[in-house]
C-alpha atoms as a PDB file:
ATOM      1  CA  UNK A   1      67.773 129.306 152.643  1.00  0.00           C
ATOM      2  CA  UNK A   2      66.265 132.493 153.814  1.00  0.00           C
ATOM      3  CA  UNK A   3      64.804 132.736 157.131  1.00  0.00           C
ATOM      4  CA  UNK A   4      61.504 134.145 157.933  1.00  0.00           C
ATOM      5  CA  UNK A   5      61.125 136.929 160.731  1.00  0.00           C
ATOM      6  CA  UNK A   6      58.037 137.320 162.665  1.00  0.00           C
ATOM      7  CA  UNK A   7      57.419 140.714 164.266  1.00  0.00           C
ATOM      8  CA  UNK A   8      55.460 140.487 167.713  1.00  0.00           C
ATOM      9  CA  UNK A   9      53.767 143.592 169.337  1.00  0.00           C
ATOM     10  CA  UNK A  10      52.311 143.753 172.772  1.00  0.00           C
ATOM     11  CA  UNK A  11      49.738 146.772 172.444  1.00  0.00           C
ATOM     12  CA  UNK A  12      47.215 148.600 174.501  1.00  0.00           C
ATOM     13  CA  UNK A  13      45.705 152.044 173.653  1.00  0.00           C
ATOM     14  CA  UNK A  14      48.535 152.664 171.095  1.00  0.00           C
ATOM     15  CA  UNK A  15      46.363 154.032 168.302  1.00  0.00           C
ATOM     16  CA  UNK A  16      48.561 157.396 168.108  1.00  0.00           C
ATOM     17  CA  UNK A  17      51.958 155.303 167.600  1.00  0.00           C
ATOM     18  CA  UNK A  18      51.066 151.864 165.884  1.00  0.00           C
ATOM     19  CA  UNK A  19      50.773 152.706 162.467  1.00  0.00           C
ATOM     20  CA  UNK A  20      54.092 154.444 162.488  1.00  0.00           C
ATOM     21  CA  UNK A  21      55.699 151.476 164.163  1.00  0.00           C
ATOM     22  CA  UNK A  22      53.957 148.953 161.544  1.00  0.00           C
ATOM     23  CA  UNK A  23      55.045 151.051 158.273  1.00  0.00           C
ATOM     24  CA  UNK A  24      58.805 151.006 159.451  1.00  0.00           C
ATOM     25  CA  UNK A  25      58.621 147.200 159.524  1.00  0.00           C
ATOM     26  CA  UNK A  26      55.822 146.053 157.029  1.00  0.00           C
ATOM     27  CA  UNK A  27      58.813 145.535 154.265  1.00  0.00           C
ATOM     28  CA  UNK A  28      61.345 144.047 156.711  1.00  0.00           C
ATOM     29  CA  UNK A  29      59.252 141.388 158.139  1.00  0.00           C
ATOM     30  CA  UNK A  30      57.471 138.247 157.072  1.00  0.00           C
ATOM     31  CA  UNK A  31      54.849 138.034 159.647  1.00  0.00           C
ATOM     32  CA  UNK A  32      53.244 140.501 162.229  1.00  0.00           C
ATOM     33  CA  UNK A  33      51.567 139.108 165.321  1.00  0.00           C
ATOM     34  CA  UNK A  34      49.835 141.777 167.592  1.00  0.00           C
ATOM     35  CA  UNK A  35      48.596 140.737 170.755  1.00  0.00           C
ATOM     36  CA  UNK A  36      46.292 143.713 172.408  1.00  0.00           C
ATOM     37  CA  UNK A  37      45.600 143.628 176.229  1.00  0.00           C
ATOM     38  CA  UNK A  38      42.405 145.371 176.283  1.00  0.00           C
ATOM     39  CA  UNK A  39      42.462 148.684 174.174  1.00  0.00           C
ATOM     40  CA  UNK A  40      39.690 151.209 174.087  1.00  0.00           C
ATOM     41  CA  UNK A  41      40.970 153.275 171.229  1.00  0.00           C
ATOM     42  CA  UNK A  42      41.304 152.462 167.559  1.00  0.00           C
ATOM     43  CA  UNK A  43      44.414 150.390 168.139  1.00  0.00           C
ATOM     44  CA  UNK A  44      42.766 147.199 166.895  1.00  0.00           C
ATOM     45  CA  UNK A  45      41.489 148.570 163.800  1.00  0.00           C
ATOM     46  CA  UNK A  46      44.671 149.988 162.694  1.00  0.00           C
ATOM     47  CA  UNK A  47      46.258 146.836 163.723  1.00  0.00           C
ATOM     48  CA  UNK A  48      44.271 144.466 161.419  1.00  0.00           C
ATOM     49  CA  UNK A  49      44.979 147.064 158.262  1.00  0.00           C
ATOM     50  CA  UNK A  50      48.315 145.551 158.571  1.00  0.00           C
ATOM     51  CA  UNK A  51      47.630 141.857 159.650  1.00  0.00           C
ATOM     52  CA  UNK A  52      45.190 139.285 160.053  1.00  0.00           C
ATOM     53  CA  UNK A  53      47.184 138.007 163.246  1.00  0.00           C
ATOM     54  CA  UNK A  54      45.569 140.103 166.128  1.00  0.00           C
ATOM     55  CA  UNK A  55      45.207 138.497 169.266  1.00  0.00           C
ATOM     56  CA  UNK A  56      43.231 139.509 172.237  1.00  0.00           C
ATOM     57  CA  UNK A  57      44.844 138.729 175.526  1.00  0.00           C
ATOM     58  CA  UNK A  58      43.235 139.670 178.850  1.00  0.00           C
ATOM     59  CA  UNK A  59      45.737 141.950 180.872  1.00  0.00           C
ATOM     60  CA  UNK A  60      46.559 140.128 184.323  1.00  0.00           C
ATOM     61  CA  UNK A  61      49.370 142.682 185.430  1.00  0.00           C
ATOM     62  CA  UNK A  62      51.932 140.022 183.840  1.00  0.00           C
ATOM     63  CA  UNK A  63      53.786 141.492 180.590  1.00  0.00           C
ATOM     64  CA  UNK A  64      55.834 138.399 180.148  1.00  0.00           C
ATOM     65  CA  UNK A  65      52.452 136.349 180.160  1.00  0.00           C
ATOM     66  CA  UNK A  66      51.508 138.648 177.105  1.00  0.00           C
ATOM     67  CA  UNK A  67      54.636 138.454 175.319  1.00  0.00           C
ATOM     68  CA  UNK A  68      55.185 134.743 175.733  1.00  0.00           C
ATOM     69  CA  UNK A  69      51.465 134.486 174.247  1.00  0.00           C
ATOM     70  CA  UNK A  70      52.703 136.597 171.348  1.00  0.00           C
ATOM     71  CA  UNK A  71      55.792 134.389 170.837  1.00  0.00           C
ATOM     72  CA  UNK A  72      53.811 131.122 170.648  1.00  0.00           C
ATOM     73  CA  UNK A  73      51.960 132.552 167.875  1.00  0.00           C
ATOM     74  CA  UNK A  74      54.870 133.324 165.503  1.00  0.00           C
ATOM     75  CA  UNK A  75      55.845 131.047 162.881  1.00  0.00           C
ATOM     76  CA  UNK A  76      59.020 132.679 161.434  1.00  0.00           C
ATOM     77  CA  UNK A  77      62.502 131.354 162.306  1.00  0.00           C
ATOM     78  CA  UNK A  78      63.400 134.859 163.962  1.00  0.00           C
ATOM     79  CA  UNK A  79      61.417 137.107 165.968  1.00  0.00           C
ATOM     80  CA  UNK A  80      61.251 140.885 166.263  1.00  0.00           C
ATOM     81  CA  UNK A  81      60.026 141.963 169.314  1.00  0.00           C
ATOM     82  CA  UNK A  82      59.210 145.944 169.525  1.00  0.00           C
ATOM     83  CA  UNK A  83      57.041 148.104 171.364  1.00  0.00           C
ATOM     84  CA  UNK A  84      54.238 150.228 169.223  1.00  0.00           C
ATOM     85  CA  UNK A  85      55.953 153.693 169.929  1.00  0.00           C
ATOM     86  CA  UNK A  86      59.313 152.200 168.285  1.00  0.00           C
ATOM     87  CA  UNK A  87      60.256 152.098 164.838  1.00  0.00           C
ATOM     88  CA  UNK A  88      62.846 150.336 162.456  1.00  0.00           C
ATOM     89  CA  UNK A  89      64.794 152.912 160.913  1.00  0.00           C
ATOM     90  CA  UNK A  90      66.873 152.748 157.559  1.00  0.00           C
ATOM     91  CA  UNK A  91      66.142 152.776 154.116  1.00  0.00           C
ATOM     92  CA  UNK A  92      65.202 149.651 152.080  1.00  0.00           C
ATOM     93  CA  UNK A  93      68.829 148.912 151.402  1.00  0.00           C
ATOM     94  CA  UNK A  94      69.047 147.854 155.264  1.00  0.00           C
ATOM     95  CA  UNK A  95      67.784 144.276 155.578  1.00  0.00           C
ATOM     96  CA  UNK A  96      67.039 142.385 158.960  1.00  0.00           C
ATOM     97  CA  UNK A  97      67.040 139.224 156.484  1.00  0.00           C
ATOM     98  CA  UNK A  98      70.652 140.151 155.105  1.00  0.00           C
ATOM     99  CA  UNK A  99      71.807 140.689 159.085  1.00  0.00           C
ATOM    100  CA  UNK A 100      70.475 136.921 159.924  1.00  0.00           C
ATOM    101  CA  UNK A 101      71.343 135.174 156.648  1.00  0.00           C
ATOM    102  CA  UNK A 102      75.173 136.619 156.558  1.00  0.00           C
ATOM    103  CA  UNK A 103      75.554 136.058 160.441  1.00  0.00           C
ATOM    104  CA  UNK A 104      75.585 132.469 160.676  1.00  0.00           C
ATOM    105  CA  UNK A 105      75.531 130.802 163.990  1.00  0.00           C
ATOM    106  CA  UNK A 106      74.056 133.822 165.953  1.00  0.00           C
ATOM    107  CA  UNK A 107      71.326 133.665 168.524  1.00  0.00           C
ATOM    108  CA  UNK A 108      70.324 137.250 169.212  1.00  0.00           C
ATOM    109  CA  UNK A 109      70.984 140.493 167.682  1.00  0.00           C
ATOM    110  CA  UNK A 110      71.277 143.684 169.615  1.00  0.00           C
ATOM    111  CA  UNK A 111      69.442 146.702 167.606  1.00  0.00           C
ATOM    112  CA  UNK A 112      69.925 150.273 168.468  1.00  0.00           C
ATOM    113  CA  UNK A 113      67.110 152.300 170.192  1.00  0.00           C
ATOM    114  CA  UNK A 114      67.354 155.920 169.709  1.00  0.00           C
ATOM    115  CA  UNK A 115      65.916 157.776 172.667  1.00  0.00           C
ATOM    116  CA  UNK A 116      65.489 161.702 172.376  1.00  0.00           C
ATOM    117  CA  UNK A 117      67.336 163.834 174.443  1.00  0.00           C
ATOM    118  CA  UNK A 118      64.590 166.378 174.130  1.00  0.00           C
ATOM    119  CA  UNK A 119      61.361 166.741 172.072  1.00  0.00           C
ATOM    120  CA  UNK A 120      63.071 170.283 170.838  1.00  0.00           C
ATOM    121  CA  UNK A 121      66.133 169.184 169.193  1.00  0.00           C
ATOM    122  CA  UNK A 122      67.399 165.971 166.897  1.00  0.00           C
ATOM    123  CA  UNK A 123      69.655 164.663 169.443  1.00  0.00           C
ATOM    124  CA  UNK A 124      69.498 161.356 171.030  1.00  0.00           C
ATOM    125  CA  UNK A 125      71.147 158.826 172.818  1.00  0.00           C
ATOM    126  CA  UNK A 126      71.622 155.434 171.450  1.00  0.00           C
ATOM    127  CA  UNK A 127      71.211 152.321 173.615  1.00  0.00           C
ATOM    128  CA  UNK A 128      71.624 148.816 172.051  1.00  0.00           C
ATOM    129  CA  UNK A 129      68.653 146.531 172.988  1.00  0.00           C
ATOM    130  CA  UNK A 130      68.231 142.768 172.269  1.00  0.00           C
ATOM    131  CA  UNK A 131      65.127 142.974 169.881  1.00  0.00           C
ATOM    132  CA  UNK A 132      66.048 140.102 167.417  1.00  0.00           C
ATOM    133  CA  UNK A 133      66.454 136.448 168.275  1.00  0.00           C
ATOM    134  CA  UNK A 134      65.994 133.182 167.319  1.00  0.00           C
ATOM    135  CA  UNK A 135      62.434 131.476 167.700  1.00  0.00           C
ATOM    136  CA  UNK A 136      63.700 128.507 168.861  1.00  0.00           C
ATOM    137  CA  UNK A 137      61.400 128.206 172.320  1.00  0.00           C
ATOM    138  CA  UNK A 138      64.731 129.302 174.326  1.00  0.00           C
ATOM    139  CA  UNK A 139      63.623 133.032 174.725  1.00  0.00           C
ATOM    140  CA  UNK A 140      60.841 134.148 176.930  1.00  0.00           C
END
């Protein structure tokens, strides 16, 4: 059984980054959930180009409340949680679906996050961050 992956994003004024993020995952996830917390730029317009699942959530200085709202909207078996200024790297041969379907019994996966050392070089620090986890209600 092929399990479904839902991308969840919490956004606010991310028009400069959002399209790159969504392009990097549009063929790697089954559902895109975007929760906007009060954008005044073109963030919502860009989001609606990629998914009908764009929600408004009033910002109340509680990031976890917005994140939990996004998780409640996701219908996939797995959740990929990203920030709008992040991208999933890899060729088409790289598959999050292959990862979750071949690693039976796993609950979460740490994915590499590349953080530029400087804006003038192609050097990065790599951090592994919990970004992919089962949608079973245990993670908030």
